[in-house]
Amino acid sequence: MTAPQLSLRIDLPNGTRFGPGKAALLSALVDTGSIRAAAEHMSMSYPRALKLIEQMNESFADMLVETKHGGADGGGAQVTEQGREVLRLYEMICETADASCGHAFEQLKQHIRD
C-alpha cells in the first residue's frame, strides 16, 4: 500500500482557493503556452480552464496568466513572473507540509484498509 498523500488548498481572503488543480493548470500553461492545450492535458474543458484563470487573476495583486486572443498570429497564454512565483511558493508549501507529515502518514497508513 502506498502512503496517504497530502493535498493542500489555500483559502484566500476573497473567498476563492488556490490548490492542486489551479497549480496543475498553471504548470500545464508553463509547459504548453496554450489554454486549450493545457486544458486538454488535464482533461478539462476550455471554458473551465478560462474560468479558473479568471479566478486566479482576480485573486492576486498581479495577473498570474496573460492571454493573447487568437487571430492571424494565433492566440496563447503566458504565465507571468507573479504566476511562476505563486506556483513556486505553493509547491514549496506542499513539499514542506508533506515532509513534516511523513511520520504521521506512516502511522495513519496502519489504520487504512487495503
C-alpha atoms as a PDB file:
ATOM      1  CA  MET A   1       0.000   0.000   0.000  1.00  0.00           C
ATOM      2  CA  THR A   2       1.278   3.455  -0.785  1.00  0.00           C
ATOM      3  CA  ALA A   3       1.341   6.142   1.867  1.00  0.00           C
ATOM      4  CA  PRO A   4      -1.516   8.632   2.149  1.00  0.00           C
ATOM      5  CA  GLN A   5      -0.909  11.829   0.216  1.00  0.00           C
ATOM      6  CA  LEU A   6      -1.398  15.391   1.347  1.00  0.00           C
ATOM      7  CA  SER A   7      -3.455  17.734  -0.837  1.00  0.00           C
ATOM      8  CA  LEU A   8      -3.385  21.406   0.138  1.00  0.00           C
ATOM      9  CA  ARG A   9      -5.864  24.097  -0.738  1.00  0.00           C
ATOM     10  CA  ILE A  10      -5.142  27.609   0.425  1.00  0.00           C
ATOM     11  CA  ASP A  11      -8.217  29.669   1.315  1.00  0.00           C
ATOM     12  CA  LEU A  12      -7.673  33.201   0.034  1.00  0.00           C
ATOM     13  CA  PRO A  13      -9.192  36.271   1.718  1.00  0.00           C
ATOM     14  CA  ASN A  14     -11.573  36.931  -1.199  1.00  0.00           C
ATOM     15  CA  GLY A  15     -13.266  33.552  -0.723  1.00  0.00           C
ATOM     16  CA  THR A  16     -11.532  31.694  -3.544  1.00  0.00           C
ATOM     17  CA  ARG A  17      -8.993  28.923  -3.137  1.00  0.00           C
ATOM     18  CA  PHE A  18      -5.671  28.035  -4.653  1.00  0.00           C
ATOM     19  CA  GLY A  19      -4.936  24.350  -4.681  1.00  0.00           C
ATOM     20  CA  PRO A  20      -3.655  21.422  -6.698  1.00  0.00           C
ATOM     21  CA  GLY A  21      -5.991  21.948  -9.658  1.00  0.00           C
ATOM     22  CA  LYS A  22      -5.062  25.572 -10.245  1.00  0.00           C
ATOM     23  CA  ALA A  23      -1.394  24.786  -9.621  1.00  0.00           C
ATOM     24  CA  ALA A  24      -1.552  21.987 -12.200  1.00  0.00           C
ATOM     25  CA  LEU A  25      -3.232  24.325 -14.681  1.00  0.00           C
ATOM     26  CA  LEU A  26      -0.503  26.939 -14.192  1.00  0.00           C
ATOM     27  CA  SER A  27       2.154  24.263 -14.636  1.00  0.00           C
ATOM     28  CA  ALA A  28       0.479  22.990 -17.816  1.00  0.00           C
ATOM     29  CA  LEU A  29       0.313  26.557 -19.123  1.00  0.00           C
ATOM     30  CA  VAL A  30       4.038  26.977 -18.478  1.00  0.00           C
ATOM     31  CA  ASP A  31       4.678  23.808 -20.488  1.00  0.00           C
ATOM     32  CA  THR A  32       2.263  24.434 -23.367  1.00  0.00           C
ATOM     33  CA  GLY A  33       1.751  28.199 -23.678  1.00  0.00           C
ATOM     34  CA  SER A  34      -1.845  27.412 -24.636  1.00  0.00           C
ATOM     35  CA  ILE A  35      -5.035  27.353 -22.589  1.00  0.00           C
ATOM     36  CA  ARG A  36      -6.605  24.819 -24.916  1.00  0.00           C
ATOM     37  CA  ALA A  37      -3.579  22.508 -24.778  1.00  0.00           C
ATOM     38  CA  ALA A  38      -3.285  22.861 -21.001  1.00  0.00           C
ATOM     39  CA  ALA A  39      -7.000  22.080 -20.597  1.00  0.00           C
ATOM     40  CA  GLU A  40      -6.720  19.023 -22.850  1.00  0.00           C
ATOM     41  CA  HIS A  41      -3.661  17.842 -20.923  1.00  0.00           C
ATOM     42  CA  MET A  42      -5.749  17.977 -17.750  1.00  0.00           C
ATOM     43  CA  SER A  43      -8.909  16.506 -19.333  1.00  0.00           C
ATOM     44  CA  MET A  44     -10.633  19.792 -18.553  1.00  0.00           C
ATOM     45  CA  SER A  45     -12.943  21.814 -20.751  1.00  0.00           C
ATOM     46  CA  TYR A  46     -11.620  25.024 -22.255  1.00  0.00           C
ATOM     47  CA  PRO A  47     -14.369  27.122 -20.583  1.00  0.00           C
ATOM     48  CA  ARG A  48     -13.486  25.600 -17.196  1.00  0.00           C
ATOM     49  CA  ALA A  49      -9.802  26.428 -17.702  1.00  0.00           C
ATOM     50  CA  LEU A  50     -10.725  30.006 -18.640  1.00  0.00           C
ATOM     51  CA  LYS A  51     -12.868  30.324 -15.517  1.00  0.00           C
ATOM     52  CA  LEU A  52     -10.040  29.097 -13.290  1.00  0.00           C
ATOM     53  CA  ILE A  53      -7.595  31.518 -14.932  1.00  0.00           C
ATOM     54  CA  GLU A  54     -10.024  34.391 -14.366  1.00  0.00           C
ATOM     55  CA  GLN A  55     -10.383  33.397 -10.699  1.00  0.00           C
ATOM     56  CA  MET A  56      -6.619  33.282 -10.260  1.00  0.00           C
ATOM     57  CA  ASN A  57      -6.104  36.632 -11.972  1.00  0.00           C
ATOM     58  CA  GLU A  58      -8.797  38.230  -9.802  1.00  0.00           C
ATOM     59  CA  SER A  59      -7.443  36.691  -6.588  1.00  0.00           C
ATOM     60  CA  PHE A  60      -3.885  38.004  -6.688  1.00  0.00           C
ATOM     61  CA  ALA A  61      -2.435  41.512  -6.756  1.00  0.00           C
ATOM     62  CA  ASP A  62      -0.932  40.966 -10.213  1.00  0.00           C
ATOM     63  CA  MET A  63      -2.124  38.749 -13.033  1.00  0.00           C
ATOM     64  CA  LEU A  64      -0.847  35.189 -12.945  1.00  0.00           C
ATOM     65  CA  VAL A  65      -1.710  34.473 -16.581  1.00  0.00           C
ATOM     66  CA  GLU A  66      -1.693  36.853 -19.528  1.00  0.00           C
ATOM     67  CA  THR A  67      -3.723  35.792 -22.533  1.00  0.00           C
ATOM     68  CA  LYS A  68      -3.457  36.743 -26.174  1.00  0.00           C
ATOM     69  CA  HIS A  69      -6.572  36.289 -28.303  1.00  0.00           C
ATOM     70  CA  GLY A  70      -6.318  34.281 -31.485  1.00  0.00           C
ATOM     71  CA  GLY A  71      -6.175  35.783 -34.931  1.00  0.00           C
ATOM     72  CA  ALA A  72      -3.679  35.816 -37.763  1.00  0.00           C
ATOM     73  CA  ASP A  73      -0.808  35.425 -35.288  1.00  0.00           C
ATOM     74  CA  GLY A  74      -2.659  32.838 -33.215  1.00  0.00           C
ATOM     75  CA  GLY A  75      -3.501  33.087 -29.535  1.00  0.00           C
ATOM     76  CA  GLY A  76      -1.692  31.936 -26.485  1.00  0.00           C
ATOM     77  CA  ALA A  77      -1.275  32.254 -22.778  1.00  0.00           C
ATOM     78  CA  GLN A  78       1.764  33.097 -20.742  1.00  0.00           C
ATOM     79  CA  VAL A  79       2.261  32.524 -17.037  1.00  0.00           C
ATOM     80  CA  THR A  80       3.640  35.784 -15.652  1.00  0.00           C
ATOM     81  CA  GLU A  81       6.564  36.126 -13.259  1.00  0.00           C
ATOM     82  CA  GLN A  82       3.972  36.600 -10.491  1.00  0.00           C
ATOM     83  CA  GLY A  83       2.284  33.370 -11.617  1.00  0.00           C
ATOM     84  CA  ARG A  84       5.564  31.473 -11.616  1.00  0.00           C
ATOM     85  CA  GLU A  85       6.333  32.806  -8.133  1.00  0.00           C
ATOM     86  CA  VAL A  86       2.897  31.825  -6.781  1.00  0.00           C
ATOM     87  CA  LEU A  87       3.365  28.349  -8.279  1.00  0.00           C
ATOM     88  CA  ARG A  88       6.867  28.082  -6.774  1.00  0.00           C
ATOM     89  CA  LEU A  89       5.626  29.147  -3.336  1.00  0.00           C
ATOM     90  CA  TYR A  90       2.649  26.778  -3.479  1.00  0.00           C
ATOM     91  CA  GLU A  91       4.949  23.884  -4.385  1.00  0.00           C
ATOM     92  CA  MET A  92       7.314  24.863  -1.548  1.00  0.00           C
ATOM     93  CA  ILE A  93       4.413  24.931   0.929  1.00  0.00           C
ATOM     94  CA  CYS A  94       3.267  21.496  -0.266  1.00  0.00           C
ATOM     95  CA  GLU A  95       6.756  19.999  -0.066  1.00  0.00           C
ATOM     96  CA  THR A  96       7.322  21.416   3.422  1.00  0.00           C
ATOM     97  CA  ALA A  97       3.965  20.173   4.685  1.00  0.00           C
ATOM     98  CA  ASP A  98       4.479  16.755   3.107  1.00  0.00           C
ATOM     99  CA  ALA A  99       7.953  16.392   4.617  1.00  0.00           C
ATOM    100  CA  SER A 100       6.733  17.359   8.061  1.00  0.00           C
ATOM    101  CA  CYS A 101       3.840  14.864   7.917  1.00  0.00           C
ATOM    102  CA  GLY A 102       5.799  11.804   6.815  1.00  0.00           C
ATOM    103  CA  HIS A 103       5.899  10.099  10.206  1.00  0.00           C
ATOM    104  CA  ALA A 104       2.218  10.781  10.900  1.00  0.00           C
ATOM    105  CA  PHE A 105       1.282   9.444   7.459  1.00  0.00           C
ATOM    106  CA  GLU A 106       3.199   6.246   8.137  1.00  0.00           C
ATOM    107  CA  GLN A 107       1.264   5.826  11.389  1.00  0.00           C
ATOM    108  CA  LEU A 108      -2.038   6.653   9.661  1.00  0.00           C
ATOM    109  CA  LYS A 109      -1.274   4.070   6.984  1.00  0.00           C
ATOM    110  CA  GLN A 110      -1.600   1.350   9.630  1.00  0.00           C
ATOM    111  CA  HIS A 111      -5.256   2.280  10.115  1.00  0.00           C
ATOM    112  CA  ILE A 112      -6.274   2.347   6.445  1.00  0.00           C
ATOM    113  CA  ARG A 113      -7.928  -0.621   4.789  1.00  0.00           C
ATOM    114  CA  ASP A 114      -6.034  -2.118   1.835  1.00  0.00           C
END
